[in-house]
Amino acid sequence: MSSPELESARQQWQEGSRRLEQTRRDPLRHRRLLAQVDTVTMELRRRVGQTFTLAELADAYRTADAWGLEAIEARDSDAGWERDAALVADAAFHLYSSGAVDYAP
């Protein structure tokens, strides 16, 4: 992934994290979303491992729409979970990105 594409992905991840933080005003929704972030994070750990670069993480992001939805759906049966799936994925990638070997804030 080229540097501009990587920076764009990182901006999306950061925005997802910011939007997740805003859900604190609704504690029930926030807890549900945090559980979904954990689900996507576990799937990231399985897919990219514990040692990875930001470029490798961004490669996984390209296909996250498919596998992220599957992972969340398998663990969350609440109606309407789909509307927050992009936010959840972006927040999970933001969280996970700090573990990249080439991470820099």
N, C-alpha and C. Protein backbone atom coordinates (compact mmCIF):
# COMPACT_ATOMS: atom_id res chain seq x y z
N MET A 1 0.86 -1.18 0.00
CA MET A 1 0.00 0.00 0.00
C MET A 1 0.90 1.24 0.00
N SER A 2 0.55 2.19 -0.85
CA SER A 2 1.36 3.40 -0.94
C SER A 2 1.15 4.27 0.30
N SER A 3 2.04 5.18 0.50
CA SER A 3 1.98 6.05 1.67
C SER A 3 0.70 6.88 1.73
N PRO A 4 0.25 7.50 0.61
CA PRO A 4 -1.01 8.24 0.69
C PRO A 4 -2.21 7.34 1.05
N GLU A 5 -2.22 6.12 0.52
CA GLU A 5 -3.31 5.19 0.85
C GLU A 5 -3.26 4.80 2.32
N LEU A 6 -2.05 4.58 2.81
CA LEU A 6 -1.87 4.21 4.22
C LEU A 6 -2.32 5.37 5.12
N GLU A 7 -1.94 6.57 4.77
CA GLU A 7 -2.34 7.74 5.57
C GLU A 7 -3.85 7.92 5.56
N SER A 8 -4.47 7.67 4.42
CA SER A 8 -5.93 7.76 4.33
C SER A 8 -6.58 6.72 5.24
N ALA A 9 -6.08 5.50 5.21
CA ALA A 9 -6.61 4.44 6.07
C ALA A 9 -6.44 4.83 7.54
N ARG A 10 -5.27 5.33 7.89
CA ARG A 10 -5.02 5.71 9.29
C ARG A 10 -5.96 6.82 9.73
N GLN A 11 -6.28 7.74 8.83
CA GLN A 11 -7.23 8.80 9.17
C GLN A 11 -8.62 8.23 9.40
N GLN A 12 -9.00 7.25 8.60
CA GLN A 12 -10.30 6.60 8.80
C GLN A 12 -10.32 5.88 10.14
N TRP A 13 -9.22 5.21 10.47
CA TRP A 13 -9.15 4.49 11.75
C TRP A 13 -9.28 5.46 12.92
N GLN A 14 -8.58 6.57 12.81
CA GLN A 14 -8.61 7.57 13.89
C GLN A 14 -10.02 8.15 14.04
N GLU A 15 -10.67 8.40 12.91
CA GLU A 15 -12.04 8.93 12.94
C GLU A 15 -12.99 7.91 13.59
N GLY A 16 -12.81 6.64 13.29
CA GLY A 16 -13.62 5.60 13.92
C GLY A 16 -13.43 5.57 15.43
N SER A 17 -12.20 5.73 15.85
CA SER A 17 -11.90 5.76 17.28
C SER A 17 -12.55 6.98 17.95
N ARG A 18 -12.50 8.11 17.27
CA ARG A 18 -13.12 9.32 17.80
C ARG A 18 -14.64 9.15 17.90
N ARG A 19 -15.23 8.57 16.88
CA ARG A 19 -16.68 8.35 16.89
C ARG A 19 -17.08 7.34 17.98
N LEU A 20 -16.24 6.34 18.19
CA LEU A 20 -16.51 5.38 19.26
C LEU A 20 -16.48 6.10 20.61
N GLU A 21 -15.52 6.96 20.80
CA GLU A 21 -15.41 7.71 22.06
C GLU A 21 -16.67 8.55 22.30
N GLN A 22 -17.24 9.07 21.25
CA GLN A 22 -18.46 9.89 21.39
C GLN A 22 -19.66 9.08 21.87
N THR A 23 -19.62 7.76 21.70
CA THR A 23 -20.75 6.95 22.14
C THR A 23 -20.78 6.75 23.66
N ARG A 24 -19.78 7.25 24.35
CA ARG A 24 -19.78 7.13 25.82
C ARG A 24 -21.03 7.76 26.44
N ARG A 25 -21.64 8.69 25.73
CA ARG A 25 -22.86 9.35 26.23
C ARG A 25 -24.02 8.38 26.38
N ASP A 26 -23.90 7.25 25.67
CA ASP A 26 -24.92 6.20 25.72
C ASP A 26 -24.22 4.93 26.21
N PRO A 27 -24.14 4.74 27.53
CA PRO A 27 -23.34 3.64 28.09
C PRO A 27 -23.69 2.25 27.56
N LEU A 28 -24.96 1.97 27.35
CA LEU A 28 -25.36 0.66 26.85
C LEU A 28 -24.82 0.43 25.43
N ARG A 29 -25.01 1.42 24.57
CA ARG A 29 -24.49 1.31 23.20
C ARG A 29 -22.97 1.24 23.21
N HIS A 30 -22.35 2.04 24.04
CA HIS A 30 -20.89 2.06 24.11
C HIS A 30 -20.34 0.68 24.50
N ARG A 31 -20.94 0.05 25.49
CA ARG A 31 -20.49 -1.29 25.90
C ARG A 31 -20.65 -2.29 24.77
N ARG A 32 -21.78 -2.20 24.06
CA ARG A 32 -22.02 -3.12 22.94
C ARG A 32 -20.96 -2.90 21.85
N LEU A 33 -20.66 -1.65 21.54
CA LEU A 33 -19.66 -1.37 20.51
C LEU A 33 -18.27 -1.81 20.95
N LEU A 34 -17.94 -1.63 22.22
CA LEU A 34 -16.63 -2.09 22.71
C LEU A 34 -16.50 -3.60 22.57
N ALA A 35 -17.58 -4.32 22.82
CA ALA A 35 -17.56 -5.77 22.65
C ALA A 35 -17.32 -6.13 21.18
N GLN A 36 -17.93 -5.37 20.28
CA GLN A 36 -17.72 -5.62 18.86
C GLN A 36 -16.29 -5.27 18.44
N VAL A 37 -15.73 -4.20 19.00
CA VAL A 37 -14.33 -3.85 18.72
C VAL A 37 -13.43 -5.00 19.18
N ASP A 38 -13.72 -5.56 20.33
CA ASP A 38 -12.94 -6.71 20.81
C ASP A 38 -13.03 -7.88 19.83
N THR A 39 -14.21 -8.11 19.28
CA THR A 39 -14.39 -9.19 18.31
C THR A 39 -13.52 -8.96 17.08
N VAL A 40 -13.55 -7.76 16.54
CA VAL A 40 -12.75 -7.46 15.35
C VAL A 40 -11.26 -7.50 15.69
N THR A 41 -10.88 -7.06 16.87
CA THR A 41 -9.49 -7.09 17.29
C THR A 41 -8.98 -8.53 17.38
N MET A 42 -9.80 -9.41 17.92
CA MET A 42 -9.42 -10.84 17.98
C MET A 42 -9.23 -11.40 16.58
N GLU A 43 -10.10 -11.01 15.67
CA GLU A 43 -9.98 -11.49 14.29
C GLU A 43 -8.73 -10.90 13.63
N LEU A 44 -8.41 -9.65 13.94
CA LEU A 44 -7.17 -9.05 13.42
C LEU A 44 -5.94 -9.82 13.91
N ARG A 45 -5.96 -10.17 15.19
CA ARG A 45 -4.84 -10.93 15.76
C ARG A 45 -4.66 -12.25 15.02
N ARG A 46 -5.77 -12.88 14.67
CA ARG A 46 -5.72 -14.14 13.94
C ARG A 46 -5.22 -13.93 12.51
N ARG A 47 -5.66 -12.85 11.88
CA ARG A 47 -5.34 -12.61 10.47
C ARG A 47 -3.95 -12.02 10.24
N VAL A 48 -3.54 -11.06 11.05
CA VAL A 48 -2.24 -10.40 10.80
C VAL A 48 -1.18 -10.77 11.84
N GLY A 49 -1.59 -11.39 12.92
CA GLY A 49 -0.63 -11.81 13.95
C GLY A 49 -0.28 -10.67 14.89
N GLN A 50 0.70 -10.94 15.72
CA GLN A 50 1.11 -9.96 16.71
C GLN A 50 2.30 -9.12 16.25
N THR A 51 2.99 -9.58 15.22
CA THR A 51 4.09 -8.82 14.65
C THR A 51 3.70 -8.45 13.22
N PHE A 52 3.54 -7.16 12.97
CA PHE A 52 3.05 -6.70 11.68
C PHE A 52 3.46 -5.25 11.46
N THR A 53 3.39 -4.84 10.20
CA THR A 53 3.64 -3.44 9.85
C THR A 53 2.31 -2.75 9.59
N LEU A 54 2.34 -1.44 9.54
CA LEU A 54 1.13 -0.70 9.22
C LEU A 54 0.63 -1.04 7.82
N ALA A 55 1.55 -1.27 6.89
CA ALA A 55 1.15 -1.64 5.52
C ALA A 55 0.43 -2.99 5.52
N GLU A 56 0.91 -3.93 6.31
CA GLU A 56 0.24 -5.23 6.40
C GLU A 56 -1.15 -5.08 7.01
N LEU A 57 -1.25 -4.22 8.00
CA LEU A 57 -2.55 -3.97 8.63
C LEU A 57 -3.49 -3.30 7.63
N ALA A 58 -2.98 -2.37 6.87
CA ALA A 58 -3.80 -1.69 5.85
C ALA A 58 -4.26 -2.67 4.78
N ASP A 59 -3.43 -3.65 4.45
CA ASP A 59 -3.84 -4.69 3.50
C ASP A 59 -5.03 -5.46 4.04
N ALA A 60 -5.01 -5.78 5.32
CA ALA A 60 -6.14 -6.49 5.94
C ALA A 60 -7.38 -5.61 5.94
N TYR A 61 -7.19 -4.31 6.05
CA TYR A 61 -8.30 -3.36 6.07
C TYR A 61 -9.08 -3.38 4.75
N ARG A 62 -8.39 -3.63 3.67
CA ARG A 62 -9.04 -3.65 2.35
C ARG A 62 -10.17 -4.66 2.29
N THR A 63 -10.04 -5.77 3.00
CA THR A 63 -11.05 -6.83 2.95
C THR A 63 -11.87 -6.91 4.24
N ALA A 64 -11.68 -5.96 5.13
CA ALA A 64 -12.35 -6.01 6.44
C ALA A 64 -13.86 -5.90 6.33
N ASP A 65 -14.37 -5.29 5.26
CA ASP A 65 -15.82 -5.20 5.12
C ASP A 65 -16.45 -6.59 5.16
N ALA A 66 -15.82 -7.52 4.49
CA ALA A 66 -16.38 -8.88 4.43
C ALA A 66 -16.15 -9.64 5.73
N TRP A 67 -14.90 -9.84 6.11
CA TRP A 67 -14.64 -10.67 7.28
C TRP A 67 -15.01 -9.98 8.59
N GLY A 68 -14.96 -8.66 8.63
CA GLY A 68 -15.35 -7.95 9.85
C GLY A 68 -16.83 -8.13 10.13
N LEU A 69 -17.63 -8.00 9.08
CA LEU A 69 -19.07 -8.21 9.24
C LEU A 69 -19.38 -9.62 9.70
N GLU A 70 -18.70 -10.58 9.12
CA GLU A 70 -18.92 -11.98 9.51
C GLU A 70 -18.57 -12.20 10.98
N ALA A 71 -17.45 -11.64 11.41
CA ALA A 71 -17.01 -11.82 12.80
C ALA A 71 -18.00 -11.19 13.77
N ILE A 72 -18.45 -9.97 13.46
CA ILE A 72 -19.40 -9.30 14.35
C ILE A 72 -20.73 -10.04 14.36
N GLU A 73 -21.20 -10.40 13.19
CA GLU A 73 -22.50 -11.09 13.10
C GLU A 73 -22.50 -12.39 13.88
N ALA A 74 -21.39 -13.10 13.86
CA ALA A 74 -21.30 -14.37 14.55
C ALA A 74 -21.41 -14.21 16.07
N ARG A 75 -21.07 -13.02 16.57
CA ARG A 75 -21.07 -12.82 18.03
C ARG A 75 -22.12 -11.85 18.52
N ASP A 76 -22.79 -11.13 17.63
CA ASP A 76 -23.74 -10.10 18.06
C ASP A 76 -25.07 -10.31 17.35
N SER A 77 -26.08 -10.64 18.10
CA SER A 77 -27.39 -10.88 17.51
C SER A 77 -28.34 -9.71 17.71
N ASP A 78 -27.84 -8.60 18.27
CA ASP A 78 -28.71 -7.44 18.47
C ASP A 78 -29.12 -6.84 17.13
N ALA A 79 -30.37 -6.49 17.03
CA ALA A 79 -30.88 -5.87 15.81
C ALA A 79 -30.15 -4.54 15.57
N GLY A 80 -29.81 -4.30 14.32
CA GLY A 80 -29.20 -3.03 13.95
C GLY A 80 -27.70 -2.94 14.11
N TRP A 81 -27.05 -4.05 14.44
CA TRP A 81 -25.60 -4.00 14.64
C TRP A 81 -24.87 -3.56 13.38
N GLU A 82 -25.48 -3.80 12.22
CA GLU A 82 -24.82 -3.49 10.95
C GLU A 82 -24.53 -2.01 10.78
N ARG A 83 -25.38 -1.16 11.34
CA ARG A 83 -25.21 0.28 11.13
C ARG A 83 -23.93 0.82 11.75
N ASP A 84 -23.38 0.12 12.72
CA ASP A 84 -22.16 0.56 13.38
C ASP A 84 -20.92 -0.23 12.96
N ALA A 85 -21.07 -1.12 12.01
CA ALA A 85 -19.97 -2.02 11.65
C ALA A 85 -18.74 -1.26 11.16
N ALA A 86 -18.92 -0.23 10.36
CA ALA A 86 -17.76 0.53 9.85
C ALA A 86 -17.05 1.25 10.99
N LEU A 87 -17.82 1.86 11.87
CA LEU A 87 -17.24 2.53 13.04
C LEU A 87 -16.44 1.54 13.87
N VAL A 88 -17.02 0.38 14.11
CA VAL A 88 -16.37 -0.66 14.92
C VAL A 88 -15.06 -1.11 14.27
N ALA A 89 -15.11 -1.39 12.98
CA ALA A 89 -13.90 -1.84 12.28
C ALA A 89 -12.81 -0.77 12.34
N ASP A 90 -13.18 0.48 12.05
CA ASP A 90 -12.18 1.55 12.08
C ASP A 90 -11.58 1.71 13.46
N ALA A 91 -12.41 1.66 14.49
CA ALA A 91 -11.89 1.80 15.86
C ALA A 91 -10.98 0.63 16.22
N ALA A 92 -11.34 -0.57 15.79
CA ALA A 92 -10.49 -1.74 16.08
C ALA A 92 -9.14 -1.62 15.37
N PHE A 93 -9.16 -1.19 14.12
CA PHE A 93 -7.90 -1.03 13.39
C PHE A 93 -7.05 0.06 14.04
N HIS A 94 -7.68 1.13 14.48
CA HIS A 94 -6.93 2.20 15.16
C HIS A 94 -6.25 1.66 16.42
N LEU A 95 -7.00 0.95 17.20
CA LEU A 95 -6.47 0.35 18.42
C LEU A 95 -5.32 -0.61 18.10
N TYR A 96 -5.53 -1.46 17.14
CA TYR A 96 -4.54 -2.49 16.81
C TYR A 96 -3.30 -1.89 16.16
N SER A 97 -3.44 -0.77 15.46
CA SER A 97 -2.31 -0.18 14.74
C SER A 97 -1.18 0.23 15.67
N SER A 98 -1.47 0.53 16.92
CA SER A 98 -0.41 0.95 17.84
C SER A 98 0.57 -0.18 18.14
N GLY A 99 0.23 -1.41 17.77
CA GLY A 99 1.11 -2.54 17.97
C GLY A 99 2.01 -2.83 16.77
N ALA A 100 1.89 -2.03 15.70
CA ALA A 100 2.70 -2.24 14.51
C ALA A 100 4.17 -1.94 14.80
N VAL A 101 5.05 -2.70 14.19
CA VAL A 101 6.49 -2.51 14.43
C VAL A 101 6.96 -1.15 13.94
N ASP A 102 6.24 -0.55 12.99
CA ASP A 102 6.63 0.76 12.46
C ASP A 102 5.65 1.85 12.87
N TYR A 103 4.93 1.63 13.97
CA TYR A 103 3.94 2.59 14.42
C TYR A 103 4.60 3.90 14.87
N ALA A 104 4.02 5.00 14.45
CA ALA A 104 4.38 6.33 14.94
C ALA A 104 3.10 7.13 15.00
N PRO A 105 2.82 7.78 16.14
CA PRO A 105 1.57 8.54 16.25
C PRO A 105 1.48 9.67 15.24
